[in-house]
Protein backbone atom coordinates (compact mmCIF):
# COMPACT_ATOMS: atom_id res chain seq x y z
CA MET A 1 -82.23 -63.25 54.80
CA PRO A 2 -79.31 -61.75 52.87
CA PRO A 3 -77.33 -64.18 50.71
CA ARG A 4 -74.07 -65.33 52.33
CA LYS A 5 -72.84 -67.71 49.66
CA LYS A 6 -70.54 -65.20 47.94
CA GLN A 7 -68.07 -65.40 50.85
CA THR A 8 -68.05 -69.20 51.03
CA ARG A 9 -68.33 -70.19 47.39
CA LYS A 10 -64.64 -71.12 46.95
CA PHE A 11 -64.95 -73.79 49.64
CA LYS A 12 -67.79 -75.62 47.93
CA LYS A 13 -67.10 -79.01 46.44
CA ARG A 14 -68.84 -80.68 43.57
CA ARG A 15 -71.57 -82.89 44.92
CA ALA A 16 -74.49 -84.97 43.77
CA LEU A 17 -78.04 -83.72 43.99
CA PRO A 18 -79.38 -84.47 47.49
CA ASP A 19 -81.51 -87.55 48.03
CA LEU A 20 -85.15 -86.71 48.65
CA SER A 21 -87.47 -88.43 51.07
CA GLU A 22 -90.32 -90.44 49.62
CA GLN A 23 -92.76 -87.72 50.68
CA GLN A 24 -90.67 -85.00 49.05
CA GLU A 25 -90.38 -86.98 45.83
CA ARG A 26 -94.16 -87.06 45.58
CA LEU A 27 -94.33 -83.26 45.53
CA GLY A 28 -94.63 -81.83 42.04
CA ALA A 29 -93.06 -78.63 40.70
CA GLY A 30 -96.27 -76.69 41.34
CA GLN A 31 -96.39 -77.76 44.98
CA TRP A 32 -92.77 -76.85 45.57
CA PHE A 33 -93.37 -73.49 43.89
CA GLU A 34 -96.35 -72.77 46.15
CA LYS A 35 -94.23 -73.67 49.19
CA LEU A 36 -91.54 -71.22 48.02
CA VAL A 37 -94.10 -68.44 47.46
CA SER A 38 -95.56 -69.05 50.93
CA LEU A 39 -92.10 -69.08 52.47
CA GLN A 40 -91.21 -65.71 50.95
CA ALA A 41 -94.52 -64.24 52.10
CA ARG A 42 -93.74 -65.49 55.61
CA LEU A 43 -90.30 -63.85 55.53
CA ARG A 44 -91.93 -60.55 54.51
CA ALA A 45 -94.65 -60.78 57.15
CA ALA A 46 -94.77 -58.57 60.27
CA ASN A 47 -93.05 -61.23 62.37
CA GLY A 48 -90.75 -62.36 59.57
CA CYS A 49 -87.11 -61.60 58.72
CA PRO A 50 -86.02 -57.96 59.33
CA TRP A 51 -83.71 -58.03 56.30
CA ASP A 52 -86.35 -59.40 53.93
CA ARG A 53 -88.88 -56.86 55.20
CA GLU A 54 -86.53 -53.96 54.44
CA GLN A 55 -85.97 -54.90 50.81
CA THR A 56 -87.46 -53.01 47.86
CA HIS A 57 -87.41 -53.55 44.10
CA SER A 58 -84.53 -51.09 43.94
CA SER A 59 -82.44 -52.67 46.70
CA LEU A 60 -82.77 -56.12 45.10
CA ARG A 61 -81.47 -55.04 41.68
CA THR A 62 -77.88 -56.00 42.44
CA TYR A 63 -78.87 -59.49 43.58
CA LEU A 64 -80.92 -60.08 40.43
CA ILE A 65 -77.90 -59.35 38.21
CA GLU A 66 -75.51 -61.29 40.46
CA GLU A 67 -77.71 -64.38 40.51
CA ALA A 68 -78.01 -64.39 36.72
CA TYR A 69 -74.22 -64.45 36.42
CA GLU A 70 -73.98 -67.10 39.14
CA VAL A 71 -76.23 -69.31 37.01
CA LEU A 72 -73.91 -68.86 34.03
CA ASP A 73 -70.87 -69.76 36.15
CA ALA A 74 -72.63 -72.86 37.48
CA LEU A 75 -73.62 -73.90 33.97
CA GLU A 76 -69.96 -73.81 32.94
CA SER A 77 -68.87 -75.78 36.03
CA GLY A 78 -70.59 -79.01 35.00
CA ASP A 79 -71.79 -79.43 38.60
CA ASP A 80 -75.50 -80.31 38.40
CA ALA A 81 -76.17 -79.62 42.07
CA LYS A 82 -74.56 -76.19 41.83
CA PHE A 83 -76.46 -75.47 38.61
CA ALA A 84 -79.78 -76.40 40.22
CA GLU A 85 -78.95 -74.40 43.34
CA GLU A 86 -78.08 -71.24 41.41
CA MET A 87 -81.21 -71.46 39.26
CA GLY A 88 -83.16 -71.73 42.50
CA ASP A 89 -81.51 -68.53 43.74
CA LEU A 90 -82.49 -66.79 40.51
CA LEU A 91 -86.06 -68.08 40.81
CA LEU A 92 -86.19 -66.73 44.35
CA GLN A 93 -85.52 -63.25 43.00
CA ILE A 94 -88.63 -63.51 40.79
CA VAL A 95 -90.69 -64.69 43.75
CA PHE A 96 -89.25 -61.94 45.97
CA HIS A 97 -90.07 -59.13 43.50
CA SER A 98 -93.54 -60.58 42.93
CA GLN A 99 -94.23 -60.69 46.67
CA ILE A 100 -93.29 -57.02 47.05
CA ALA A 101 -95.52 -56.12 44.10
CA ARG A 102 -98.42 -58.12 45.58
CA GLU A 103 -98.08 -56.26 48.87
CA GLU A 104 -98.29 -53.00 46.92
CA GLY A 105 -101.42 -54.19 45.12
CA ARG A 106 -99.77 -54.14 41.69
CA PHE A 107 -99.53 -57.78 40.58
CA SER A 108 -98.83 -61.24 41.94
CA VAL A 109 -96.55 -64.10 40.96
CA ALA A 110 -99.62 -65.75 39.39
CA ASP A 111 -99.88 -62.77 37.02
CA VAL A 112 -96.20 -63.17 36.13
CA ILE A 113 -96.68 -66.84 35.26
CA ARG A 114 -99.94 -66.27 33.39
CA GLU A 115 -98.37 -63.49 31.30
CA VAL A 116 -95.40 -65.57 30.19
CA HIS A 117 -97.61 -68.62 29.54
CA GLU A 118 -99.95 -66.64 27.30
CA LYS A 119 -96.98 -64.99 25.59
CA MET A 120 -95.35 -68.33 24.78
CA VAL A 121 -98.58 -69.67 23.28
CA ARG A 122 -99.08 -66.47 21.29
CA ARG A 123 -95.53 -66.47 19.94
CA HIS A 124 -95.60 -70.13 18.86
CA PRO A 125 -98.45 -70.16 16.31
CA HIS A 126 -96.59 -72.90 14.43
CA VAL A 127 -97.15 -75.15 17.48
CA PHE A 128 -100.45 -73.94 18.95
CA GLY A 129 -102.06 -72.45 15.83
CA GLU A 130 -102.37 -72.88 12.09
CA LYS A 131 -99.12 -71.17 11.08
CA ARG A 132 -96.18 -73.30 9.98
CA ALA A 133 -92.41 -72.72 10.24
CA LYS A 134 -90.00 -74.75 8.13
CA ASP A 135 -86.94 -74.16 10.33
CA ALA A 136 -85.57 -72.34 13.39
CA ALA A 137 -84.65 -69.26 11.34
CA GLU A 138 -88.27 -68.80 10.28
CA VAL A 139 -89.40 -69.32 13.86
CA LEU A 140 -87.15 -66.46 15.00
CA LYS A 141 -88.28 -64.21 12.16
CA ASN A 142 -91.94 -64.83 13.04
CA TRP A 143 -91.14 -64.28 16.73
CA GLU A 144 -89.78 -60.79 16.07
CA GLN A 145 -92.73 -59.89 13.84
CA ILE A 146 -95.20 -61.05 16.51
CA LYS A 147 -93.37 -58.96 19.11
CA ALA A 148 -93.60 -55.91 16.84
CA GLU A 149 -97.34 -56.52 16.39
CA GLU A 150 -97.74 -56.77 20.16
CA ARG A 151 -96.03 -53.41 20.62
CA ARG A 152 -98.27 -51.82 17.99
CA ALA A 153 -101.34 -53.26 19.72
CA LYS A 154 -100.23 -51.59 22.94
CA GLY A 155 -100.29 -48.26 21.15
CA ALA A 156 -96.60 -47.40 21.34
CA SER A 157 -96.00 -44.20 19.42
CA PRO A 158 -92.73 -43.38 17.62
CA ALA A 159 -90.60 -40.46 18.70
CA PRO A 160 -89.71 -37.79 16.10
CA LEU A 161 -86.47 -38.64 14.33
CA GLY A 162 -83.47 -37.23 16.16
CA GLU A 163 -85.42 -36.04 19.19
CA SER A 164 -85.01 -39.06 21.45
CA ASP A 165 -82.55 -41.81 22.22
CA GLU A 166 -85.41 -44.18 23.01
CA LEU A 167 -86.29 -46.82 20.43
CA ASP A 168 -89.43 -46.38 18.34
CA GLY A 169 -92.05 -48.59 19.96
CA LYS A 170 -92.99 -49.99 16.53
CA SER A 171 -89.42 -50.94 15.68
CA LEU A 172 -88.23 -54.53 15.65
CA LEU A 173 -85.42 -53.29 17.88
CA ALA A 174 -87.80 -51.99 20.54
CA GLY A 175 -87.75 -53.95 23.76
CA VAL A 176 -83.97 -54.34 23.98
CA PRO A 177 -83.26 -52.92 27.46
CA ARG A 178 -81.08 -49.82 27.31
CA GLY A 179 -79.64 -50.74 30.70
CA LEU A 180 -77.88 -53.85 29.36
CA PRO A 181 -74.07 -53.94 29.33
CA ALA A 182 -72.97 -52.41 26.01
CA ALA A 183 -71.64 -55.64 24.49
CA LEU A 184 -74.83 -57.53 25.34
CA GLU A 185 -77.00 -54.67 24.02
CA GLY A 186 -75.11 -54.69 20.71
CA TYR A 187 -75.49 -58.45 20.52
CA GLN A 188 -79.25 -58.24 21.07
CA LEU A 189 -79.71 -55.41 18.56
CA THR A 190 -77.78 -57.12 15.75
CA ARG A 191 -79.42 -60.46 16.49
CA ARG A 192 -82.86 -58.94 16.06
CA ALA A 193 -81.85 -57.27 12.81
CA ALA A 194 -80.36 -60.54 11.54
CA ARG A 195 -83.59 -62.43 12.20
CA ILE A 196 -85.33 -60.53 9.40
CA GLY A 197 -82.41 -60.92 7.00
CA PHE A 198 -80.37 -57.76 7.71
CA ASP A 199 -77.08 -59.55 8.16
CA TRP A 200 -73.70 -60.27 6.61
CA GLU A 201 -73.38 -62.88 3.87
CA ASP A 202 -70.33 -64.49 5.48
CA VAL A 203 -67.71 -63.98 8.19
CA LYS A 204 -65.22 -62.57 5.66
CA GLY A 205 -67.32 -59.45 5.25
CA ILE A 206 -67.30 -58.85 9.01
CA PHE A 207 -63.52 -59.22 9.18
CA GLU A 208 -63.20 -56.66 6.40
CA LYS A 209 -65.47 -54.34 8.36
CA ILE A 210 -63.33 -54.79 11.47
CA GLN A 211 -60.22 -53.91 9.46
CA GLU A 212 -61.99 -50.87 8.05
CA GLU A 213 -63.05 -49.71 11.51
CA GLY A 214 -59.53 -50.31 12.84
CA ALA A 215 -58.08 -48.09 10.14
CA GLU A 216 -60.62 -45.39 11.01
CA VAL A 217 -59.59 -45.58 14.67
CA CYS A 218 -55.95 -45.04 13.64
CA HIS A 219 -56.95 -42.04 11.53
CA ALA A 220 -59.05 -40.60 14.35
CA LEU A 221 -56.13 -40.91 16.77
CA GLY A 222 -54.22 -38.52 14.54
CA THR A 223 -56.93 -35.86 14.86
CA MET A 224 -56.61 -35.64 18.67
CA GLU A 225 -60.40 -35.21 18.83
CA PRO A 226 -61.67 -37.16 21.87
CA LEU A 227 -65.29 -37.49 20.73
CA ARG A 228 -64.28 -38.68 17.26
CA ILE A 229 -61.84 -41.20 18.75
CA GLU A 230 -64.55 -42.43 21.11
CA GLY A 231 -67.01 -42.82 18.23
CA GLU A 232 -64.58 -44.76 16.05
CA ILE A 233 -63.57 -47.08 18.88
CA GLY A 234 -67.27 -47.67 19.52
CA ASP A 235 -67.74 -48.62 15.85
CA LEU A 236 -64.82 -51.05 16.09
CA LEU A 237 -66.21 -52.68 19.22
CA PHE A 238 -69.65 -52.93 17.62
CA ALA A 239 -68.14 -54.71 14.61
CA VAL A 240 -66.41 -57.22 16.91
CA VAL A 241 -69.69 -57.82 18.75
CA ASN A 242 -71.31 -58.46 15.37
CA LEU A 243 -68.60 -61.02 14.57
CA ALA A 244 -69.24 -62.82 17.85
CA ARG A 245 -72.97 -62.93 17.21
CA PHE A 246 -72.47 -64.16 13.63
CA VAL A 247 -70.39 -67.15 14.79
CA HIS A 248 -72.87 -67.90 17.62
CA VAL A 249 -70.76 -66.60 20.50
CA ASP A 250 -72.22 -64.40 23.23
CA PRO A 251 -69.74 -61.48 23.38
CA GLU A 252 -70.54 -60.73 27.02
CA ILE A 253 -69.70 -64.29 28.09
CA ALA A 254 -66.64 -64.39 25.83
CA LEU A 255 -65.34 -61.13 27.32
CA LYS A 256 -66.03 -62.33 30.87
CA LYS A 257 -63.89 -65.41 30.16
CA ALA A 258 -61.16 -63.25 28.64
CA ASN A 259 -61.26 -61.04 31.75
CA ALA A 260 -60.91 -64.09 33.99
CA LYS A 261 -57.99 -65.35 31.89
CA PHE A 262 -56.25 -61.97 32.20
CA VAL A 263 -56.73 -61.97 35.99
CA LYS A 264 -55.31 -65.48 36.27
CA ARG A 265 -52.27 -64.65 34.15
CA PHE A 266 -51.62 -61.30 35.82
CA GLN A 267 -51.72 -62.84 39.28
CA ALA A 268 -49.33 -65.56 38.09
CA MET A 269 -46.96 -62.77 36.95
CA GLU A 270 -47.20 -61.20 40.41
CA ARG A 271 -46.24 -64.51 42.01
CA LEU A 272 -43.27 -64.91 39.68
CA ALA A 273 -42.08 -61.42 40.56
CA GLU A 274 -42.51 -62.12 44.28
CA SER A 275 -40.47 -65.32 43.93
CA SER A 276 -37.52 -63.11 42.92
CA GLY A 277 -38.10 -60.80 45.87
CA ARG A 278 -39.78 -57.99 43.91
CA LYS A 279 -43.18 -56.47 43.39
CA LEU A 280 -44.51 -56.62 39.84
CA ALA A 281 -44.69 -52.81 39.77
CA ASP A 282 -40.89 -52.71 40.23
CA VAL A 283 -40.20 -55.06 37.32
CA PRO A 284 -39.02 -53.34 34.09
CA ARG A 285 -41.58 -53.27 31.28
CA ALA A 286 -39.56 -55.58 29.01
CA GLU A 287 -39.23 -58.15 31.80
CA MET A 288 -42.98 -57.95 32.42
CA GLU A 289 -43.45 -59.14 28.83
CA SER A 290 -41.09 -62.03 29.51
CA LEU A 291 -43.06 -62.99 32.62
CA TRP A 292 -46.31 -62.82 30.64
CA GLU A 293 -44.93 -65.13 27.96
CA ALA A 294 -43.61 -67.51 30.64
CA VAL A 295 -47.06 -67.73 32.19
CA LYS A 296 -48.61 -68.44 28.79
CA ARG A 297 -46.05 -71.18 28.07
CA LYS A 298 -46.77 -72.77 31.43
CA GLU A 299 -50.52 -72.69 30.70
CA LYS A 300 -49.97 -74.28 27.30
CA GLY A 301 -47.78 -77.00 28.78
CA ALA A 302 -50.36 -77.78 31.45
CA ALA A 303 -53.09 -77.95 28.80
CA VAL A 304 -51.06 -80.33 26.63
CA LYS A 305 -50.29 -82.55 29.64
CA SER A 306 -53.95 -82.61 30.67
CA ALA A 307 -55.04 -83.54 27.13
CA SER A 308 -52.40 -86.27 26.95
CA GLU A 309 -53.49 -87.74 30.28
CA ALA A 310 -57.13 -87.63 29.21
CA THR A 311 -56.28 -89.45 25.97
CA GLY A 312 -54.21 -92.03 27.83
CA SER A 313 -57.03 -92.70 30.29
CA LYS A 314 -59.29 -93.69 27.44
C-alpha cells in the first residue's frame, strides 16, 4: 500500500527497538528477507493490494529517492528504531522493484543479491585474493581501477571527443549517474579523480581556486552575457563542492542542512514580524536584516545555554 508516514512523521517519538518474541528472535536475516519477498509478491498478486499492483518502475522512482533521504534524516536523529525502520523502507523499494522485474521475466531479487555479492568479492582482491593494500587510499585506488576494467570487459566503446555528453565507458569517471543532483554528481566525479591522485595538495590551494572563480564571476557579471555568467557561477560552485569533498564533507548533505537552517530562521523572522502585527513582506528591508540578526543571536544564546547545561550535568 502507499506510504502514509510522511503525514504523521512529526508526531513520532523516539522509542526503543520493539521486543521480539522468542520465535521471532530465532529467525535469521535470510528468513526475514524471504518473508519480505513473499509478502511483496502477495501484495502484487491478482488478489493483492490494488495500489501495489498498479505500480511500475517509473511510478516508484519518487519513493526510492524519498526513502534514501529519510534514511539520512533518521541517521542524524540518533533514534535507532527510526533508523532501522527507515532502512527497512529503503530495502522494501529494492524488493518492490525486483518483484516487478521478476514478473516481467527480466531478473529476480536473487540475481540482485548474487550480482552485488560477486562484485564485492571481485573488488576486494586484498581480502579474497592475493593482492595486498597497505591502506584505505590504496583500496579506493584499486577499486576504481577494477571498475574501469569491468567496464572494458563489457565492451563499452568511447564516444568521439566533443560529440556526446555521455562519459567514455572506459573512463574512471564512467558510472557516475548523470541524473544525480549537481552537487552530488560533482562530489562523485572529483572523488573518483582524487582516488588515482588527481587532487589538490592542501586546502589552501582550493581556497585560492574559489577566490579565483569568484573574481571571474564578478568579471562575467560586467559582460551581461547570461551563458558566460552561468558558466562562471558553475565553476565557482564546482570549486566549493571540491572543497567539501577534500575536507570529507558531503556537499549535498551540507547544503540540505544549510537549507533547513535557512527555513528555520526565516520562519522565526515571520513570527517576529507577526508579533508586531505585520507580515514579513511588509517589513522594510533594513529591518528584515535586524530580525535576521536577532534570530541568529537567539539561536546562539540557546546553543550556549544548552552546552552549559550539558557540561553542568556531567
